[in-house]
């Protein structure tokens, strides 16, 4: 339907197409039951996964390697300065 895809909702018994997927925003929404989300939410709900598991699964499918450990000390200090600036503002 236009630039979006419509169909039957996989989250409830649906007789008319109330499910919409927008490829431009990467989001889905069912106007009957209210389910909505993005690729992470979709993977979590359809596969029964937690966020971290969904993130790892999608990264593997996309060929992206995830690194543990977070930011370097220089990045952390930059983040702290930004947070302080936002608090001051």
PDB file of N, CA and C in Angstrom:
ATOM      1  N   UNK A   1       0.854  -1.170   0.000  1.00  0.00           N
ATOM      2  CA  UNK A   1       0.000   0.000   0.000  1.00  0.00           C
ATOM      3  C   UNK A   1       0.896   1.228   0.000  1.00  0.00           C
ATOM      4  N   UNK A   2       1.100   1.807  -1.151  1.00  0.00           N
ATOM      5  CA  UNK A   2       1.999   2.949  -1.241  1.00  0.00           C
ATOM      6  C   UNK A   2       3.436   2.540  -0.985  1.00  0.00           C
ATOM      7  N   UNK A   3       4.113   3.251  -0.100  1.00  0.00           N
ATOM      8  CA  UNK A   3       5.506   2.918   0.210  1.00  0.00           C
ATOM      9  C   UNK A   3       5.618   1.898   1.337  1.00  0.00           C
ATOM     10  N   UNK A   4       4.505   1.539   1.987  1.00  0.00           N
ATOM     11  CA  UNK A   4       4.503   0.581   3.096  1.00  0.00           C
ATOM     12  C   UNK A   4       3.910  -0.756   2.669  1.00  0.00           C
ATOM     13  N   UNK A   5       4.227  -1.780   3.436  1.00  0.00           N
ATOM     14  CA  UNK A   5       3.657  -3.096   3.218  1.00  0.00           C
ATOM     15  C   UNK A   5       2.546  -3.317   4.236  1.00  0.00           C
ATOM     16  N   UNK A   6       1.456  -3.929   3.831  1.00  0.00           N
ATOM     17  CA  UNK A   6       0.367  -4.257   4.751  1.00  0.00           C
ATOM     18  C   UNK A   6       0.062  -5.738   4.651  1.00  0.00           C
ATOM     19  N   UNK A   7      -0.476  -6.280   5.743  1.00  0.00           N
ATOM     20  CA  UNK A   7      -0.811  -7.693   5.762  1.00  0.00           C
ATOM     21  C   UNK A   7      -1.506  -8.062   7.054  1.00  0.00           C
ATOM     22  N   UNK A   8      -1.681  -9.364   7.242  1.00  0.00           N
ATOM     23  CA  UNK A   8      -2.304  -9.873   8.457  1.00  0.00           C
ATOM     24  C   UNK A   8      -1.295  -9.875   9.589  1.00  0.00           C
ATOM     25  N   UNK A   9      -1.754  -9.518  10.764  1.00  0.00           N
ATOM     26  CA  UNK A   9      -0.876  -9.430  11.928  1.00  0.00           C
ATOM     27  C   UNK A   9      -0.508 -10.826  12.429  1.00  0.00           C
ATOM     28  N   UNK A  10       0.775 -11.095  12.645  1.00  0.00           N
ATOM     29  CA  UNK A  10       1.192 -12.393  13.166  1.00  0.00           C
ATOM     30  C   UNK A  10       1.020 -12.525  14.686  1.00  0.00           C
ATOM     31  N   UNK A  11       0.638 -11.436  15.353  1.00  0.00           N
ATOM     32  CA  UNK A  11       0.542 -11.448  16.805  1.00  0.00           C
ATOM     33  C   UNK A  11      -0.869 -11.718  17.324  1.00  0.00           C
ATOM     34  N   UNK A  12      -1.862 -11.714  16.449  1.00  0.00           N
ATOM     35  CA  UNK A  12      -3.233 -12.037  16.861  1.00  0.00           C
ATOM     36  C   UNK A  12      -4.005 -12.566  15.659  1.00  0.00           C
ATOM     37  N   UNK A  13      -5.154 -13.190  15.915  1.00  0.00           N
ATOM     38  CA  UNK A  13      -6.009 -13.670  14.831  1.00  0.00           C
ATOM     39  C   UNK A  13      -6.533 -12.453  14.082  1.00  0.00           C
ATOM     40  N   UNK A  14      -6.226 -12.384  12.818  1.00  0.00           N
ATOM     41  CA  UNK A  14      -6.557 -11.201  12.025  1.00  0.00           C
ATOM     42  C   UNK A  14      -7.305 -11.638  10.771  1.00  0.00           C
ATOM     43  N   UNK A  15      -8.400 -10.961  10.462  1.00  0.00           N
ATOM     44  CA  UNK A  15      -9.160 -11.281   9.259  1.00  0.00           C
ATOM     45  C   UNK A  15      -9.004 -10.224   8.177  1.00  0.00           C
ATOM     46  N   UNK A  16      -8.603  -9.037   8.578  1.00  0.00           N
ATOM     47  CA  UNK A  16      -8.359  -7.974   7.605  1.00  0.00           C
ATOM     48  C   UNK A  16      -6.936  -7.452   7.820  1.00  0.00           C
ATOM     49  N   UNK A  17      -6.298  -6.995   6.769  1.00  0.00           N
ATOM     50  CA  UNK A  17      -4.902  -6.538   6.896  1.00  0.00           C
ATOM     51  C   UNK A  17      -4.781  -5.263   7.729  1.00  0.00           C
ATOM     52  N   UNK A  18      -4.376  -5.442   8.975  1.00  0.00           N
ATOM     53  CA  UNK A  18      -4.219  -4.303   9.878  1.00  0.00           C
ATOM     54  C   UNK A  18      -2.759  -4.109  10.277  1.00  0.00           C
ATOM     55  N   UNK A  19      -1.879  -4.908   9.716  1.00  0.00           N
ATOM     56  CA  UNK A  19      -0.457  -4.881  10.054  1.00  0.00           C
ATOM     57  C   UNK A  19       0.291  -4.106   8.977  1.00  0.00           C
ATOM     58  N   UNK A  20       1.114  -3.135   9.387  1.00  0.00           N
ATOM     59  CA  UNK A  20       1.851  -2.316   8.440  1.00  0.00           C
ATOM     60  C   UNK A  20       3.340  -2.352   8.763  1.00  0.00           C
ATOM     61  N   UNK A  21       4.155  -2.464   7.714  1.00  0.00           N
ATOM     62  CA  UNK A  21       5.609  -2.403   7.849  1.00  0.00           C
ATOM     63  C   UNK A  21       6.109  -1.270   6.969  1.00  0.00           C
ATOM     64  N   UNK A  22       6.899  -0.387   7.577  1.00  0.00           N
ATOM     65  CA  UNK A  22       7.467   0.745   6.850  1.00  0.00           C
ATOM     66  C   UNK A  22       8.956   0.500   6.624  1.00  0.00           C
ATOM     67  N   UNK A  23       9.352   0.207   5.380  1.00  0.00           N
ATOM     68  CA  UNK A  23      10.773  -0.019   5.119  1.00  0.00           C
ATOM     69  C   UNK A  23      11.625   1.241   5.290  1.00  0.00           C
ATOM     70  N   UNK A  24      11.033   2.412   5.113  1.00  0.00           N
ATOM     71  CA  UNK A  24      11.822   3.642   5.245  1.00  0.00           C
ATOM     72  C   UNK A  24      12.191   3.929   6.690  1.00  0.00           C
ATOM     73  N   UNK A  25      11.288   3.614   7.638  1.00  0.00           N
ATOM     74  CA  UNK A  25      11.592   3.847   9.047  1.00  0.00           C
ATOM     75  C   UNK A  25      12.081   2.593   9.747  1.00  0.00           C
ATOM     76  N   UNK A  26      11.872   1.418   9.132  1.00  0.00           N
ATOM     77  CA  UNK A  26      12.291   0.168   9.753  1.00  0.00           C
ATOM     78  C   UNK A  26      11.423  -0.218  10.933  1.00  0.00           C
ATOM     79  N   UNK A  27      10.143   0.163  10.906  1.00  0.00           N
ATOM     80  CA  UNK A  27       9.234  -0.105  12.017  1.00  0.00           C
ATOM     81  C   UNK A  27       7.989  -0.821  11.518  1.00  0.00           C
ATOM     82  N   UNK A  28       7.311  -1.508  12.446  1.00  0.00           N
ATOM     83  CA  UNK A  28       6.043  -2.161  12.138  1.00  0.00           C
ATOM     84  C   UNK A  28       5.003  -1.732  13.164  1.00  0.00           C
ATOM     85  N   UNK A  29       3.723  -1.855  12.776  1.00  0.00           N
ATOM     86  CA  UNK A  29       2.623  -1.479  13.674  1.00  0.00           C
ATOM     87  C   UNK A  29       1.378  -2.231  13.259  1.00  0.00           C
ATOM     88  N   UNK A  30       0.665  -2.779  14.246  1.00  0.00           N
ATOM     89  CA  UNK A  30      -0.647  -3.368  14.021  1.00  0.00           C
ATOM     90  C   UNK A  30      -1.671  -2.394  14.591  1.00  0.00           C
ATOM     91  N   UNK A  31      -2.589  -1.953  13.746  1.00  0.00           N
ATOM     92  CA  UNK A  31      -3.577  -0.984  14.181  1.00  0.00           C
ATOM     93  C   UNK A  31      -4.748  -1.645  14.902  1.00  0.00           C
ATOM     94  N   UNK A  32      -4.792  -2.982  14.916  1.00  0.00           N
ATOM     95  CA  UNK A  32      -5.855  -3.693  15.633  1.00  0.00           C
ATOM     96  C   UNK A  32      -5.437  -4.016  17.067  1.00  0.00           C
ATOM     97  N   UNK A  33      -4.270  -4.655  17.239  1.00  0.00           N
ATOM     98  CA  UNK A  33      -3.858  -5.069  18.588  1.00  0.00           C
ATOM     99  C   UNK A  33      -2.858  -4.112  19.223  1.00  0.00           C
ATOM    100  N   UNK A  34      -2.264  -3.206  18.422  1.00  0.00           N
ATOM    101  CA  UNK A  34      -1.361  -2.210  18.979  1.00  0.00           C
ATOM    102  C   UNK A  34       0.101  -2.613  19.033  1.00  0.00           C
ATOM    103  N   UNK A  35       0.433  -3.825  18.615  1.00  0.00           N
ATOM    104  CA  UNK A  35       1.846  -4.234  18.606  1.00  0.00           C
ATOM    105  C   UNK A  35       2.628  -3.328  17.670  1.00  0.00           C
ATOM    106  N   UNK A  36       3.813  -2.926  18.096  1.00  0.00           N
ATOM    107  CA  UNK A  36       4.661  -2.104  17.240  1.00  0.00           C
ATOM    108  C   UNK A  36       6.102  -2.264  17.680  1.00  0.00           C
ATOM    109  N   UNK A  37       7.015  -1.880  16.810  1.00  0.00           N
ATOM    110  CA  UNK A  37       8.423  -1.950  17.171  1.00  0.00           C
ATOM    111  C   UNK A  37       9.325  -1.869  15.970  1.00  0.00           C
ATOM    112  N   UNK A  38      10.576  -2.310  16.192  1.00  0.00           N
ATOM    113  CA  UNK A  38      11.589  -2.292  15.147  1.00  0.00           C
ATOM    114  C   UNK A  38      12.142  -3.695  14.972  1.00  0.00           C
ATOM    115  N   UNK A  39      13.253  -3.820  14.290  1.00  0.00           N
ATOM    116  CA  UNK A  39      13.818  -5.134  14.010  1.00  0.00           C
ATOM    117  C   UNK A  39      14.214  -5.871  15.299  1.00  0.00           C
ATOM    118  N   UNK A  40      14.640  -5.124  16.317  1.00  0.00           N
ATOM    119  CA  UNK A  40      15.014  -5.758  17.580  1.00  0.00           C
ATOM    120  C   UNK A  40      13.780  -6.290  18.304  1.00  0.00           C
ATOM    121  N   UNK A  41      12.728  -5.481  18.358  1.00  0.00           N
ATOM    122  CA  UNK A  41      11.484  -5.902  18.994  1.00  0.00           C
ATOM    123  C   UNK A  41      10.901  -7.104  18.264  1.00  0.00           C
ATOM    124  N   UNK A  42      10.903  -7.049  16.927  1.00  0.00           N
ATOM    125  CA  UNK A  42      10.376  -8.147  16.118  1.00  0.00           C
ATOM    126  C   UNK A  42      11.119  -9.447  16.433  1.00  0.00           C
ATOM    127  N   UNK A  43      12.434  -9.381  16.452  1.00  0.00           N
ATOM    128  CA  UNK A  43      13.240 -10.571  16.715  1.00  0.00           C
ATOM    129  C   UNK A  43      12.996 -11.091  18.128  1.00  0.00           C
ATOM    130  N   UNK A  44      12.904 -10.198  19.101  1.00  0.00           N
ATOM    131  CA  UNK A  44      12.661 -10.612  20.480  1.00  0.00           C
ATOM    132  C   UNK A  44      11.312 -11.306  20.615  1.00  0.00           C
ATOM    133  N   UNK A  45      10.267 -10.750  20.010  1.00  0.00           N
ATOM    134  CA  UNK A  45       8.923 -11.301  20.160  1.00  0.00           C
ATOM    135  C   UNK A  45       8.712 -12.569  19.347  1.00  0.00           C
ATOM    136  N   UNK A  46       9.235 -12.614  18.127  1.00  0.00           N
ATOM    137  CA  UNK A  46       9.004 -13.792  17.289  1.00  0.00           C
ATOM    138  C   UNK A  46       9.919 -14.957  17.645  1.00  0.00           C
ATOM    139  N   UNK A  47      11.106 -14.670  18.181  1.00  0.00           N
ATOM    140  CA  UNK A  47      12.057 -15.722  18.529  1.00  0.00           C
ATOM    141  C   UNK A  47      12.077 -16.048  20.020  1.00  0.00           C
ATOM    142  N   UNK A  48      11.408 -15.213  20.830  1.00  0.00           N
ATOM    143  CA  UNK A  48      11.406 -15.431  22.275  1.00  0.00           C
ATOM    144  C   UNK A  48      12.762 -15.164  22.912  1.00  0.00           C
ATOM    145  N   UNK A  49      13.418 -14.083  22.493  1.00  0.00           N
ATOM    146  CA  UNK A  49      14.763 -13.775  22.977  1.00  0.00           C
ATOM    147  C   UNK A  49      14.766 -12.513  23.826  1.00  0.00           C
ATOM    148  N   UNK A  50      15.806 -12.368  24.639  1.00  0.00           N
ATOM    149  CA  UNK A  50      16.069 -11.125  25.350  1.00  0.00           C
ATOM    150  C   UNK A  50      16.798 -10.190  24.388  1.00  0.00           C
ATOM    151  N   UNK A  51      16.916  -8.916  24.765  1.00  0.00           N
ATOM    152  CA  UNK A  51      17.516  -7.937  23.852  1.00  0.00           C
ATOM    153  C   UNK A  51      18.927  -8.321  23.434  1.00  0.00           C
ATOM    154  N   UNK A  52      19.761  -8.682  24.387  1.00  0.00           N
ATOM    155  CA  UNK A  52      21.161  -9.012  24.071  1.00  0.00           C
ATOM    156  C   UNK A  52      21.229 -10.182  23.091  1.00  0.00           C
ATOM    157  N   UNK A  53      20.391 -11.205  23.304  1.00  0.00           N
ATOM    158  CA  UNK A  53      20.377 -12.359  22.399  1.00  0.00           C
ATOM    159  C   UNK A  53      19.927 -11.947  21.001  1.00  0.00           C
ATOM    160  N   UNK A  54      18.918 -11.093  20.927  1.00  0.00           N
ATOM    161  CA  UNK A  54      18.442 -10.607  19.630  1.00  0.00           C
ATOM    162  C   UNK A  54      19.522  -9.790  18.939  1.00  0.00           C
ATOM    163  N   UNK A  55      20.212  -8.946  19.697  1.00  0.00           N
ATOM    164  CA  UNK A  55      21.301  -8.140  19.150  1.00  0.00           C
ATOM    165  C   UNK A  55      22.393  -9.032  18.572  1.00  0.00           C
ATOM    166  N   UNK A  56      22.780 -10.070  19.306  1.00  0.00           N
ATOM    167  CA  UNK A  56      23.821 -10.978  18.842  1.00  0.00           C
ATOM    168  C   UNK A  56      23.376 -11.741  17.594  1.00  0.00           C
ATOM    169  N   UNK A  57      22.123 -12.193  17.565  1.00  0.00           N
ATOM    170  CA  UNK A  57      21.602 -12.922  16.414  1.00  0.00           C
ATOM    171  C   UNK A  57      21.590 -12.038  15.166  1.00  0.00           C
ATOM    172  N   UNK A  58      21.083 -10.826  15.300  1.00  0.00           N
ATOM    173  CA  UNK A  58      21.017  -9.910  14.164  1.00  0.00           C
ATOM    174  C   UNK A  58      22.406  -9.492  13.698  1.00  0.00           C
ATOM    175  N   UNK A  59      23.321  -9.282  14.632  1.00  0.00           N
ATOM    176  CA  UNK A  59      24.696  -8.926  14.263  1.00  0.00           C
ATOM    177  C   UNK A  59      25.343 -10.068  13.486  1.00  0.00           C
ATOM    178  N   UNK A  60      25.110 -11.293  13.916  1.00  0.00           N
ATOM    179  CA  UNK A  60      25.668 -12.453  13.233  1.00  0.00           C
ATOM    180  C   UNK A  60      25.101 -12.561  11.819  1.00  0.00           C
ATOM    181  N   UNK A  61      23.775 -12.353  11.666  1.00  0.00           N
ATOM    182  CA  UNK A  61      23.151 -12.425  10.347  1.00  0.00           C
ATOM    183  C   UNK A  61      23.662 -11.323   9.423  1.00  0.00           C
ATOM    184  N   UNK A  62      23.998 -10.167   9.984  1.00  0.00           N
ATOM    185  CA  UNK A  62      24.479  -9.039   9.193  1.00  0.00           C
ATOM    186  C   UNK A  62      25.987  -9.084   8.980  1.00  0.00           C
ATOM    187  N   UNK A  63      26.670 -10.033   9.620  1.00  0.00           N
ATOM    188  CA  UNK A  63      28.115 -10.138   9.484  1.00  0.00           C
ATOM    189  C   UNK A  63      28.873  -9.086  10.275  1.00  0.00           C
ATOM    190  N   UNK A  64      28.281  -8.647  11.381  1.00  0.00           N
ATOM    191  CA  UNK A  64      28.899  -7.628  12.226  1.00  0.00           C
ATOM    192  C   UNK A  64      29.416  -8.291  13.498  1.00  0.00           C
ATOM    193  N   UNK A  65      30.653  -7.971  13.881  1.00  0.00           N
ATOM    194  CA  UNK A  65      31.195  -8.533  15.114  1.00  0.00           C
ATOM    195  C   UNK A  65      30.976  -7.539  16.259  1.00  0.00           C
ATOM    196  N   UNK A  66      30.483  -8.048  17.359  1.00  0.00           N
ATOM    197  CA  UNK A  66      30.257  -7.222  18.543  1.00  0.00           C
ATOM    198  C   UNK A  66      31.453  -7.347  19.467  1.00  0.00           C
ATOM    199  N   UNK A  67      31.813  -6.236  20.095  1.00  0.00           N
ATOM    200  CA  UNK A  67      32.927  -6.245  21.030  1.00  0.00           C
ATOM    201  C   UNK A  67      32.403  -5.947  22.422  1.00  0.00           C
ATOM    202  N   UNK A  68      32.917  -6.686  23.378  1.00  0.00           N
ATOM    203  CA  UNK A  68      32.551  -6.426  24.773  1.00  0.00           C
ATOM    204  C   UNK A  68      33.541  -5.456  25.370  1.00  0.00           C
ATOM    205  N   UNK A  69      33.127  -4.763  26.401  1.00  0.00           N
ATOM    206  CA  UNK A  69      34.053  -3.899  27.101  1.00  0.00           C
ATOM    207  C   UNK A  69      33.658  -2.447  27.124  1.00  0.00           C
ATOM    208  N   UNK A  70      32.924  -2.001  26.139  1.00  0.00           N
ATOM    209  CA  UNK A  70      32.453  -0.617  26.165  1.00  0.00           C
ATOM    210  C   UNK A  70      33.486   0.373  25.689  1.00  0.00           C
ATOM    211  N   UNK A  71      33.357   1.576  26.176  1.00  0.00           N
ATOM    212  CA  UNK A  71      34.162   2.696  25.708  1.00  0.00           C
ATOM    213  C   UNK A  71      35.560   2.681  26.324  1.00  0.00           C
ATOM    214  N   UNK A  72      36.494   3.294  25.614  1.00  0.00           N
ATOM    215  CA  UNK A  72      37.852   3.475  26.133  1.00  0.00           C
ATOM    216  C   UNK A  72      37.819   4.586  27.176  1.00  0.00           C
ATOM    217  N   UNK A  73      38.857   4.697  27.997  1.00  0.00           N
ATOM    218  CA  UNK A  73      38.873   5.777  28.997  1.00  0.00           C
ATOM    219  C   UNK A  73      38.707   7.169  28.385  1.00  0.00           C
ATOM    220  N   UNK A  74      39.306   7.414  27.224  1.00  0.00           N
ATOM    221  CA  UNK A  74      39.163   8.727  26.580  1.00  0.00           C
ATOM    222  C   UNK A  74      37.713   8.968  26.165  1.00  0.00           C
ATOM    223  N   UNK A  75      37.055   7.941  25.635  1.00  0.00           N
ATOM    224  CA  UNK A  75      35.657   8.076  25.242  1.00  0.00           C
ATOM    225  C   UNK A  75      34.773   8.281  26.464  1.00  0.00           C
ATOM    226  N   UNK A  76      35.076   7.574  27.550  1.00  0.00           N
ATOM    227  CA  UNK A  76      34.292   7.722  28.776  1.00  0.00           C
ATOM    228  C   UNK A  76      34.399   9.143  29.318  1.00  0.00           C
ATOM    229  N   UNK A  77      35.623   9.699  29.305  1.00  0.00           N
ATOM    230  CA  UNK A  77      35.793  11.049  29.832  1.00  0.00           C
ATOM    231  C   UNK A  77      35.069  12.060  28.945  1.00  0.00           C
ATOM    232  N   UNK A  78      35.065  11.844  27.647  1.00  0.00           N
ATOM    233  CA  UNK A  78      34.332  12.717  26.735  1.00  0.00           C
ATOM    234  C   UNK A  78      32.833  12.641  27.033  1.00  0.00           C
ATOM    235  N   UNK A  79      32.347  11.442  27.298  1.00  0.00           N
ATOM    236  CA  UNK A  79      30.934  11.266  27.635  1.00  0.00           C
ATOM    237  C   UNK A  79      30.602  11.973  28.948  1.00  0.00           C
ATOM    238  N   UNK A  80      31.476  11.847  29.932  1.00  0.00           N
ATOM    239  CA  UNK A  80      31.254  12.494  31.223  1.00  0.00           C
ATOM    240  C   UNK A  80      31.200  14.005  31.051  1.00  0.00           C
ATOM    241  N   UNK A  81      32.108  14.576  30.239  1.00  0.00           N
ATOM    242  CA  UNK A  81      32.087  16.024  30.004  1.00  0.00           C
ATOM    243  C   UNK A  81      30.794  16.457  29.339  1.00  0.00           C
ATOM    244  N   UNK A  82      30.305  15.674  28.399  1.00  0.00           N
ATOM    245  CA  UNK A  82      29.028  16.015  27.751  1.00  0.00           C
ATOM    246  C   UNK A  82      27.861  15.949  28.720  1.00  0.00           C
ATOM    247  N   UNK A  83      27.852  14.931  29.565  1.00  0.00           N
ATOM    248  CA  UNK A  83      26.789  14.814  30.559  1.00  0.00           C
ATOM    249  C   UNK A  83      26.823  15.983  31.524  1.00  0.00           C
ATOM    250  N   UNK A  84      28.014  16.359  31.953  1.00  0.00           N
ATOM    251  CA  UNK A  84      28.152  17.518  32.851  1.00  0.00           C
ATOM    252  C   UNK A  84      27.664  18.797  32.169  1.00  0.00           C
ATOM    253  N   UNK A  85      27.982  18.961  30.890  1.00  0.00           N
ATOM    254  CA  UNK A  85      27.536  20.141  30.146  1.00  0.00           C
ATOM    255  C   UNK A  85      26.021  20.157  30.033  1.00  0.00           C
ATOM    256  N   UNK A  86      25.409  19.001  29.800  1.00  0.00           N
ATOM    257  CA  UNK A  86      23.954  18.948  29.705  1.00  0.00           C
ATOM    258  C   UNK A  86      23.303  19.249  31.045  1.00  0.00           C
ATOM    259  N   UNK A  87      23.882  18.751  32.133  1.00  0.00           N
ATOM    260  CA  UNK A  87      23.349  19.044  33.463  1.00  0.00           C
ATOM    261  C   UNK A  87      23.456  20.539  33.755  1.00  0.00           C
ATOM    262  N   UNK A  88      24.585  21.138  33.391  1.00  0.00           N
ATOM    263  CA  UNK A  88      24.774  22.563  33.614  1.00  0.00           C
ATOM    264  C   UNK A  88      23.766  23.391  32.826  1.00  0.00           C
ATOM    265  N   UNK A  89      23.519  22.960  31.574  1.00  0.00           N
ATOM    266  CA  UNK A  89      22.579  23.693  30.716  1.00  0.00           C
ATOM    267  C   UNK A  89      21.182  23.562  31.270  1.00  0.00           C
TER     268      UNK A  89
END
